[in-house]
Amino acid sequence: LVRKEPVFLLLTKAASIAALAGCLIAYNSGDFDRRLLDFGLLTAFVCTSIITFLYVKYESLELSWKRNLPFHLYERFSEQVLTFMPLALPELILLINWPLVDISLFDKIVLLIYGFSIMLLLLNMQWTRFFSLKKLSMRLFWTFIMYTFVLLYGIGEWWIIGINFALSMLLLQTYYNTYEYQRSEEI
C-alpha cells in the first residue's frame, strides 16, 4: 500500500488525524464531555477503515493460499490486530501527546482500544459473501450513524469494546473461509 497507493494512504490518514485533532481541540475548550472524544475516534477510524478494504482485496487475490493453513481463529484474529496496530500509530501518538485536561494515560489507551475495536469490526464485516466497495460505503455510513446514536445515549466504552471484539470474532469465524472476492468490483 505504501508503494502502490502512497497518496491514498496519506490522504486517508490526514483525514483521520484531522477529525481526531478537531475533536481534541473542541474537548479542551471545556464545553463538551467525554463522548466528544469517542465521536472523534469513531470518525477517525471510520476514515481509516477504507484501508481495510484494500487489505481484504490483497489477501483474497495475493494470499488466497493462506486460508488453507491450519491456523486457529485466535491466531488469525491476533494477526489482524498486529497488522493494523501500526495503522493506528498516528492516532495513538496524537492522542497520547495531546495535552487533555482531565484524561489520564489509561483513559487515553482505553479510547484507542475503543477506536481500534471499531476498525476490526469494520474489517471483519467485509468477509461476508460478495462484499464490494459500494457495500462498504453503505456499511460505513450506517455504522457511523448507529455508533453516533450509541454515543449520544452514553453507553460505556467497555460495553462497545466487548461487543465489537465479540462480533469481529464471530464474523471472522463464520465468513473467513468462505469469502470470495469479486473481481468486477475493483477500485
Protein backbone atom coordinates (compact mmCIF):
# COMPACT_ATOMS: atom_id res chain seq x y z
CA LEU A 1 0.00 0.00 0.00
CA VAL A 2 2.86 2.38 0.76
CA ARG A 3 4.43 1.71 -2.64
CA LYS A 4 1.31 1.38 -4.78
CA GLU A 5 -1.06 3.91 -3.20
CA PRO A 6 1.01 6.45 -1.21
CA VAL A 7 -1.30 9.42 -1.90
CA PHE A 8 -4.36 7.38 -0.92
CA LEU A 9 -2.72 6.31 2.33
CA LEU A 10 -1.55 9.85 3.09
CA LEU A 11 -4.96 11.42 2.42
CA THR A 12 -6.79 8.77 4.43
CA LYS A 13 -4.53 9.20 7.43
CA ALA A 14 -4.64 13.01 7.10
CA ALA A 15 -8.46 12.97 7.19
CA SER A 16 -8.38 10.64 10.17
CA ILE A 17 -5.92 12.77 12.11
CA ALA A 18 -7.73 16.00 11.20
CA ALA A 19 -11.03 14.60 12.53
CA LEU A 20 -9.41 13.46 15.75
CA ALA A 21 -7.47 16.71 16.22
CA GLY A 22 -10.63 18.76 15.70
CA CYS A 23 -12.43 16.82 18.42
CA LEU A 24 -9.43 17.12 20.76
CA ILE A 25 -9.34 20.90 20.28
CA ALA A 26 -13.08 21.17 20.94
CA TYR A 27 -12.81 18.92 24.00
CA ASN A 28 -10.14 21.14 25.55
CA SER A 29 -12.48 24.13 25.35
CA GLY A 30 -14.30 22.69 28.37
CA ASP A 31 -17.78 22.80 26.84
CA PHE A 32 -18.02 19.09 25.97
CA ASP A 33 -17.90 15.76 27.79
CA ARG A 34 -16.02 12.56 27.02
CA ARG A 35 -18.47 11.48 24.33
CA LEU A 36 -16.84 14.02 22.01
CA LEU A 37 -13.57 12.09 22.24
CA ASP A 38 -15.43 8.87 21.48
CA PHE A 39 -17.03 10.55 18.49
CA GLY A 40 -13.65 11.83 17.29
CA LEU A 41 -12.17 8.34 17.43
CA LEU A 42 -15.23 6.90 15.69
CA THR A 43 -14.77 9.41 12.88
CA ALA A 44 -11.02 8.79 12.69
CA PHE A 45 -11.30 5.02 12.47
CA VAL A 46 -14.20 5.08 10.03
CA CYS A 47 -11.95 7.24 7.82
CA THR A 48 -9.15 4.71 8.19
CA SER A 49 -11.32 1.67 7.54
CA ILE A 50 -11.24 2.04 3.75
CA ILE A 51 -7.66 0.78 4.02
CA THR A 52 -9.08 -2.46 5.41
CA PHE A 53 -10.93 -2.93 2.12
CA LEU A 54 -7.60 -2.89 0.30
CA TYR A 55 -6.24 -5.38 2.85
CA VAL A 56 -9.13 -7.77 2.18
CA LYS A 57 -8.62 -7.37 -1.57
CA TYR A 58 -4.89 -8.05 -1.26
CA GLU A 59 -5.35 -11.06 0.99
CA SER A 60 -8.02 -12.50 -1.28
CA LEU A 61 -6.05 -12.10 -4.50
CA GLU A 62 -2.43 -12.50 -3.47
CA LEU A 63 -2.66 -14.63 -0.34
CA SER A 64 -5.61 -16.90 -1.09
CA TRP A 65 -3.50 -19.94 -0.19
CA LYS A 66 -3.28 -18.64 3.37
CA ARG A 67 -6.80 -19.80 4.22
CA ASN A 68 -5.72 -23.42 3.84
CA LEU A 69 -3.08 -23.15 6.53
CA PRO A 70 -4.02 -24.73 9.87
CA PHE A 71 -4.34 -21.55 11.92
CA HIS A 72 -6.75 -21.30 14.81
CA LEU A 73 -9.25 -18.50 14.94
CA TYR A 74 -7.41 -16.64 17.70
CA GLU A 75 -4.20 -16.77 15.62
CA ARG A 76 -5.95 -15.20 12.63
CA PHE A 77 -7.51 -12.57 14.87
CA SER A 78 -4.20 -11.75 16.56
CA GLU A 79 -2.63 -11.46 13.10
CA GLN A 80 -5.26 -8.86 12.21
CA VAL A 81 -4.55 -6.96 15.41
CA LEU A 82 -0.80 -6.98 14.73
CA THR A 83 -1.33 -6.00 11.09
CA PHE A 84 -3.50 -2.98 11.87
CA MET A 85 -1.78 -1.76 15.03
CA PRO A 86 0.85 0.18 13.02
CA LEU A 87 -2.00 1.72 11.05
CA ALA A 88 -3.36 3.20 14.28
CA LEU A 89 0.02 4.64 15.36
CA PRO A 90 -0.63 8.22 14.16
CA GLU A 91 -3.85 8.36 16.18
CA LEU A 92 -2.07 6.81 19.16
CA ILE A 93 0.73 9.36 19.02
CA LEU A 94 -1.71 12.24 18.64
CA LEU A 95 -3.96 11.05 21.45
CA ILE A 96 -1.14 10.35 23.92
CA ASN A 97 0.81 13.55 23.22
CA TRP A 98 -2.19 15.90 23.14
CA PRO A 99 -2.49 17.83 26.43
CA LEU A 100 -6.01 16.90 27.54
CA VAL A 101 -7.39 18.50 30.65
CA ASP A 102 -8.83 15.65 32.69
CA ILE A 103 -7.92 12.43 30.85
CA SER A 104 -5.29 10.05 32.23
CA LEU A 105 -2.93 7.93 30.16
CA PHE A 106 -5.01 4.83 30.97
CA ASP A 107 -8.15 6.55 29.68
CA LYS A 108 -6.32 7.54 26.50
CA ILE A 109 -5.32 3.90 25.93
CA VAL A 110 -8.93 2.81 26.52
CA LEU A 111 -10.04 5.36 23.93
CA LEU A 112 -7.55 3.97 21.42
CA ILE A 113 -8.70 0.38 22.06
CA TYR A 114 -12.25 1.59 21.52
CA GLY A 115 -11.36 3.06 18.12
CA PHE A 116 -9.31 0.03 17.16
CA SER A 117 -12.22 -2.29 18.01
CA ILE A 118 -14.40 -0.32 15.58
CA MET A 119 -11.79 -0.75 12.84
CA LEU A 120 -11.55 -4.52 13.46
CA LEU A 121 -15.32 -4.84 13.32
CA LEU A 122 -15.42 -2.97 10.01
CA LEU A 123 -12.63 -5.20 8.69
CA ASN A 124 -14.38 -8.43 9.62
CA MET A 125 -17.70 -7.23 8.21
CA GLN A 126 -16.01 -7.37 4.82
CA TRP A 127 -15.58 -11.14 4.91
CA THR A 128 -19.31 -11.64 4.29
CA ARG A 129 -20.17 -13.04 0.88
CA PHE A 130 -19.96 -10.88 -2.25
CA PHE A 131 -18.70 -7.80 -0.48
CA SER A 132 -17.95 -4.76 -2.64
CA LEU A 133 -16.77 -1.18 -2.25
CA LYS A 134 -20.36 0.01 -2.63
CA LYS A 135 -21.46 -2.23 0.25
CA LEU A 136 -18.52 -1.00 2.31
CA SER A 137 -19.52 2.64 1.87
CA MET A 138 -23.11 1.84 2.87
CA ARG A 139 -21.97 -0.15 5.91
CA LEU A 140 -19.58 2.60 6.91
CA PHE A 141 -22.38 5.14 6.71
CA TRP A 142 -24.84 3.05 8.75
CA THR A 143 -22.18 2.02 11.25
CA PHE A 144 -21.27 5.67 11.74
CA ILE A 145 -24.92 6.62 12.28
CA MET A 146 -25.52 3.70 14.66
CA TYR A 147 -22.44 4.44 16.76
CA THR A 148 -23.31 8.13 16.85
CA PHE A 149 -26.64 7.27 18.46
CA VAL A 150 -24.96 4.78 20.80
CA LEU A 151 -22.55 7.52 21.90
CA LEU A 152 -25.34 10.06 22.32
CA TYR A 153 -27.12 7.70 24.70
CA GLY A 154 -23.94 7.36 26.75
CA ILE A 155 -23.33 3.63 26.53
CA GLY A 156 -19.95 2.89 28.11
CA GLU A 157 -16.80 2.31 26.10
CA TRP A 158 -16.13 -1.06 27.71
CA TRP A 159 -19.50 -2.36 26.51
CA ILE A 160 -18.80 -1.14 22.99
CA ILE A 161 -15.28 -2.62 23.01
CA GLY A 162 -16.54 -6.01 24.20
CA ILE A 163 -19.35 -6.14 21.68
CA ASN A 164 -17.05 -5.05 18.84
CA PHE A 165 -14.43 -7.70 19.60
CA ALA A 166 -17.08 -10.42 20.04
CA LEU A 167 -18.78 -9.52 16.75
CA SER A 168 -15.40 -9.36 14.99
CA MET A 169 -14.53 -12.87 16.17
CA LEU A 170 -17.97 -14.17 15.18
CA LEU A 171 -17.76 -12.67 11.70
CA LEU A 172 -14.22 -13.94 11.22
CA GLN A 173 -15.18 -17.43 12.31
CA THR A 174 -18.33 -17.53 10.19
CA TYR A 175 -17.22 -15.96 6.92
CA TYR A 176 -13.43 -16.02 6.59
CA ASN A 177 -13.04 -19.43 4.95
CA THR A 178 -15.99 -18.98 2.57
CA TYR A 179 -15.17 -15.49 1.28
CA GLU A 180 -14.81 -15.00 -2.48
CA TYR A 181 -13.50 -11.73 -3.85
CA GLN A 182 -15.49 -10.22 -6.73
CA ARG A 183 -13.02 -9.12 -9.42
CA SER A 184 -15.67 -6.98 -11.08
CA GLU A 185 -15.69 -4.71 -8.00
CA GLU A 186 -12.18 -3.33 -8.50
CA ILE A 187 -11.33 0.07 -7.03
